[in-house]
Amino acid sequence: MKKQLEFHPEVTNDIKGSYLWYEDKLEGLGNRFLSELEDGYTSIQNFPDTWANFQSLYKVTEEKIVVVAVMHNSRKANYWLDRIS
């Protein structure tokens, strides 16, 4: 059975910022980014212990999968650490 995905409240800002960055580079690229995220979340749900996505950080609990951050690797390291408890 797939676990429910739960998103940290700040993930919305991460996604919006990345979407706008991609749209600024090329119209429509932001939507492609969102589509890739959706595919990635499906993969996380199907294979939470094996799927590695450099842009989505998440933790697996007994009941759910919590998306902690969506980031690009060039962003400052560990900025999201205060989001996990």
N, C-alpha and C. Protein backbone atom coordinates (compact mmCIF):
# COMPACT_ATOMS: atom_id res chain seq x y z
N MET A 1 0.83 -1.18 0.00
CA MET A 1 0.00 0.00 0.00
C MET A 1 0.88 1.25 0.00
N LYS A 2 0.54 2.21 -0.85
CA LYS A 2 1.29 3.45 -0.90
C LYS A 2 1.03 4.28 0.35
N LYS A 3 2.10 4.90 0.83
CA LYS A 3 1.95 5.82 1.95
C LYS A 3 1.57 7.19 1.41
N GLN A 4 0.86 7.93 2.23
CA GLN A 4 0.48 9.29 1.87
C GLN A 4 1.70 10.20 1.93
N LEU A 5 1.81 11.11 0.99
CA LEU A 5 2.87 12.12 1.01
C LEU A 5 2.39 13.31 1.84
N GLU A 6 3.26 13.80 2.70
CA GLU A 6 2.97 15.01 3.46
C GLU A 6 4.09 16.00 3.16
N PHE A 7 3.74 17.25 2.93
CA PHE A 7 4.73 18.25 2.58
C PHE A 7 4.92 19.25 3.72
N HIS A 8 6.18 19.54 4.03
CA HIS A 8 6.49 20.60 4.98
C HIS A 8 5.91 21.90 4.41
N PRO A 9 5.38 22.79 5.26
CA PRO A 9 4.77 24.02 4.75
C PRO A 9 5.69 24.87 3.87
N GLU A 10 6.98 24.83 4.08
CA GLU A 10 7.90 25.66 3.30
C GLU A 10 8.21 25.09 1.92
N VAL A 11 7.79 23.84 1.68
CA VAL A 11 8.03 23.23 0.37
C VAL A 11 7.31 24.02 -0.73
N THR A 12 6.16 24.58 -0.41
CA THR A 12 5.43 25.38 -1.39
C THR A 12 6.30 26.52 -1.92
N ASN A 13 7.01 27.19 -1.02
CA ASN A 13 7.90 28.27 -1.44
C ASN A 13 9.07 27.75 -2.28
N ASP A 14 9.60 26.58 -1.92
CA ASP A 14 10.68 25.98 -2.70
C ASP A 14 10.23 25.72 -4.13
N ILE A 15 9.06 25.12 -4.25
CA ILE A 15 8.53 24.77 -5.57
C ILE A 15 8.23 26.03 -6.38
N LYS A 16 7.59 26.99 -5.74
CA LYS A 16 7.25 28.23 -6.44
C LYS A 16 8.51 28.94 -6.94
N GLY A 17 9.52 29.03 -6.09
CA GLY A 17 10.77 29.67 -6.50
C GLY A 17 11.42 28.97 -7.67
N SER A 18 11.45 27.65 -7.63
CA SER A 18 12.05 26.88 -8.73
C SER A 18 11.21 27.02 -10.00
N TYR A 19 9.90 26.97 -9.85
CA TYR A 19 9.00 27.14 -11.00
C TYR A 19 9.26 28.48 -11.68
N LEU A 20 9.30 29.54 -10.90
CA LEU A 20 9.51 30.88 -11.46
C LEU A 20 10.89 30.99 -12.11
N TRP A 21 11.89 30.37 -11.52
CA TRP A 21 13.24 30.41 -12.09
C TRP A 21 13.24 29.74 -13.46
N TYR A 22 12.64 28.56 -13.55
CA TYR A 22 12.58 27.86 -14.83
C TYR A 22 11.75 28.62 -15.86
N GLU A 23 10.62 29.19 -15.44
CA GLU A 23 9.78 29.96 -16.36
C GLU A 23 10.53 31.18 -16.89
N ASP A 24 11.38 31.76 -16.04
CA ASP A 24 12.17 32.92 -16.47
C ASP A 24 13.17 32.53 -17.55
N LYS A 25 13.64 31.29 -17.48
CA LYS A 25 14.61 30.82 -18.48
C LYS A 25 13.94 30.49 -19.80
N LEU A 26 12.75 29.87 -19.73
CA LEU A 26 12.04 29.49 -20.95
C LEU A 26 10.57 29.25 -20.60
N GLU A 27 9.68 29.93 -21.29
CA GLU A 27 8.25 29.76 -21.03
C GLU A 27 7.85 28.30 -21.22
N GLY A 28 7.15 27.76 -20.24
CA GLY A 28 6.73 26.37 -20.28
C GLY A 28 7.65 25.43 -19.53
N LEU A 29 8.88 25.89 -19.27
CA LEU A 29 9.84 25.04 -18.57
C LEU A 29 9.42 24.82 -17.11
N GLY A 30 8.77 25.82 -16.53
CA GLY A 30 8.27 25.66 -15.17
C GLY A 30 7.25 24.55 -15.07
N ASN A 31 6.37 24.46 -16.07
CA ASN A 31 5.38 23.38 -16.08
C ASN A 31 6.04 22.02 -16.26
N ARG A 32 7.09 21.96 -17.04
CA ARG A 32 7.84 20.69 -17.18
C ARG A 32 8.47 20.31 -15.85
N PHE A 33 8.98 21.31 -15.13
CA PHE A 33 9.55 21.07 -13.80
C PHE A 33 8.49 20.48 -12.87
N LEU A 34 7.28 21.07 -12.87
CA LEU A 34 6.20 20.56 -12.02
C LEU A 34 5.82 19.13 -12.39
N SER A 35 5.80 18.85 -13.67
CA SER A 35 5.49 17.50 -14.14
C SER A 35 6.54 16.49 -13.65
N GLU A 36 7.79 16.90 -13.72
CA GLU A 36 8.87 16.03 -13.23
C GLU A 36 8.75 15.80 -11.73
N LEU A 37 8.38 16.84 -10.98
CA LEU A 37 8.17 16.68 -9.54
C LEU A 37 7.07 15.66 -9.27
N GLU A 38 5.96 15.78 -9.99
CA GLU A 38 4.86 14.83 -9.81
C GLU A 38 5.32 13.40 -10.09
N ASP A 39 6.07 13.21 -11.16
CA ASP A 39 6.60 11.88 -11.46
C ASP A 39 7.52 11.41 -10.34
N GLY A 40 8.32 12.33 -9.84
CA GLY A 40 9.22 11.98 -8.74
C GLY A 40 8.48 11.57 -7.49
N TYR A 41 7.40 12.27 -7.18
CA TYR A 41 6.63 11.93 -5.98
C TYR A 41 5.96 10.56 -6.13
N THR A 42 5.54 10.24 -7.33
CA THR A 42 5.00 8.91 -7.57
C THR A 42 6.07 7.86 -7.33
N SER A 43 7.28 8.13 -7.79
CA SER A 43 8.39 7.20 -7.57
C SER A 43 8.72 7.06 -6.09
N ILE A 44 8.70 8.17 -5.36
CA ILE A 44 8.96 8.12 -3.92
C ILE A 44 7.93 7.23 -3.24
N GLN A 45 6.67 7.39 -3.63
CA GLN A 45 5.63 6.57 -3.02
C GLN A 45 5.78 5.09 -3.36
N ASN A 46 6.15 4.80 -4.59
CA ASN A 46 6.29 3.41 -5.01
C ASN A 46 7.56 2.75 -4.48
N PHE A 47 8.63 3.52 -4.36
CA PHE A 47 9.93 2.97 -3.95
C PHE A 47 10.62 3.91 -2.96
N PRO A 48 10.04 4.13 -1.78
CA PRO A 48 10.58 5.14 -0.86
C PRO A 48 11.98 4.85 -0.33
N ASP A 49 12.39 3.61 -0.34
CA ASP A 49 13.71 3.27 0.19
C ASP A 49 14.79 3.19 -0.87
N THR A 50 14.43 3.34 -2.13
CA THR A 50 15.43 3.18 -3.18
C THR A 50 15.53 4.37 -4.12
N TRP A 51 14.55 5.24 -4.14
CA TRP A 51 14.53 6.33 -5.11
C TRP A 51 15.35 7.50 -4.58
N ALA A 52 16.27 7.99 -5.37
CA ALA A 52 17.09 9.14 -4.97
C ALA A 52 16.83 10.30 -5.92
N ASN A 53 16.34 11.36 -5.36
CA ASN A 53 16.08 12.57 -6.16
C ASN A 53 16.83 13.71 -5.51
N PHE A 54 17.73 14.34 -6.25
CA PHE A 54 18.55 15.38 -5.65
C PHE A 54 17.76 16.63 -5.34
N GLN A 55 16.57 16.76 -5.86
CA GLN A 55 15.80 17.97 -5.62
C GLN A 55 14.72 17.83 -4.56
N SER A 56 14.35 16.63 -4.20
CA SER A 56 13.33 16.43 -3.18
C SER A 56 13.93 15.68 -2.00
N LEU A 57 13.88 16.31 -0.84
CA LEU A 57 14.38 15.67 0.37
C LEU A 57 13.18 15.25 1.20
N TYR A 58 13.21 14.01 1.66
CA TYR A 58 12.06 13.49 2.38
C TYR A 58 12.50 12.49 3.43
N LYS A 59 11.61 12.26 4.39
CA LYS A 59 11.86 11.24 5.40
C LYS A 59 10.67 10.29 5.43
N VAL A 60 10.97 9.03 5.69
CA VAL A 60 9.95 7.99 5.72
C VAL A 60 9.65 7.66 7.17
N THR A 61 8.37 7.72 7.54
CA THR A 61 7.93 7.30 8.88
C THR A 61 7.08 6.05 8.72
N GLU A 62 6.60 5.52 9.81
CA GLU A 62 5.75 4.34 9.74
C GLU A 62 4.46 4.60 8.97
N GLU A 63 3.92 5.83 9.10
CA GLU A 63 2.62 6.13 8.52
C GLU A 63 2.66 6.86 7.18
N LYS A 64 3.76 7.59 6.92
CA LYS A 64 3.75 8.45 5.73
C LYS A 64 5.17 8.79 5.29
N ILE A 65 5.23 9.51 4.18
CA ILE A 65 6.48 10.04 3.66
C ILE A 65 6.35 11.55 3.71
N VAL A 66 7.27 12.22 4.40
CA VAL A 66 7.20 13.67 4.58
C VAL A 66 8.24 14.33 3.68
N VAL A 67 7.79 15.15 2.72
CA VAL A 67 8.70 15.90 1.86
C VAL A 67 9.15 17.11 2.66
N VAL A 68 10.45 17.20 2.92
CA VAL A 68 11.01 18.24 3.78
C VAL A 68 11.46 19.46 2.98
N ALA A 69 11.98 19.24 1.78
CA ALA A 69 12.46 20.36 0.96
C ALA A 69 12.53 19.95 -0.50
N VAL A 70 12.43 20.93 -1.35
CA VAL A 70 12.69 20.77 -2.77
C VAL A 70 13.77 21.79 -3.09
N MET A 71 14.92 21.31 -3.54
CA MET A 71 16.06 22.21 -3.71
C MET A 71 16.95 21.81 -4.86
N HIS A 72 17.72 22.73 -5.30
CA HIS A 72 18.76 22.47 -6.28
C HIS A 72 20.07 22.27 -5.52
N ASN A 73 20.92 21.39 -6.00
CA ASN A 73 22.16 21.10 -5.30
C ASN A 73 23.09 22.29 -5.15
N SER A 74 22.92 23.31 -5.97
CA SER A 74 23.79 24.47 -5.85
C SER A 74 23.36 25.39 -4.70
N ARG A 75 22.20 25.12 -4.13
CA ARG A 75 21.73 25.93 -3.00
C ARG A 75 22.57 25.64 -1.78
N LYS A 76 22.60 26.58 -0.83
CA LYS A 76 23.44 26.37 0.35
C LYS A 76 23.06 25.05 1.04
N ALA A 77 24.07 24.36 1.45
CA ALA A 77 23.87 23.02 2.04
C ALA A 77 23.12 23.11 3.37
N ASN A 78 22.28 22.14 3.59
CA ASN A 78 21.61 21.92 4.88
C ASN A 78 20.71 23.06 5.34
N TYR A 79 20.25 23.92 4.44
CA TYR A 79 19.37 25.01 4.86
C TYR A 79 18.06 24.48 5.43
N TRP A 80 17.72 23.27 5.10
CA TRP A 80 16.44 22.67 5.45
C TRP A 80 16.49 21.87 6.76
N LEU A 81 17.64 21.76 7.39
CA LEU A 81 17.77 20.90 8.57
C LEU A 81 16.81 21.25 9.70
N ASP A 82 16.47 22.53 9.84
CA ASP A 82 15.55 22.90 10.94
C ASP A 82 14.12 22.47 10.65
N ARG A 83 13.85 21.92 9.48
CA ARG A 83 12.51 21.46 9.12
C ARG A 83 12.22 20.05 9.62
N ILE A 84 13.25 19.34 10.03
CA ILE A 84 13.04 17.97 10.49
C ILE A 84 13.16 17.92 12.01
N SER A 85 12.41 17.02 12.58
CA SER A 85 12.48 16.88 14.04
C SER A 85 12.68 15.45 14.43
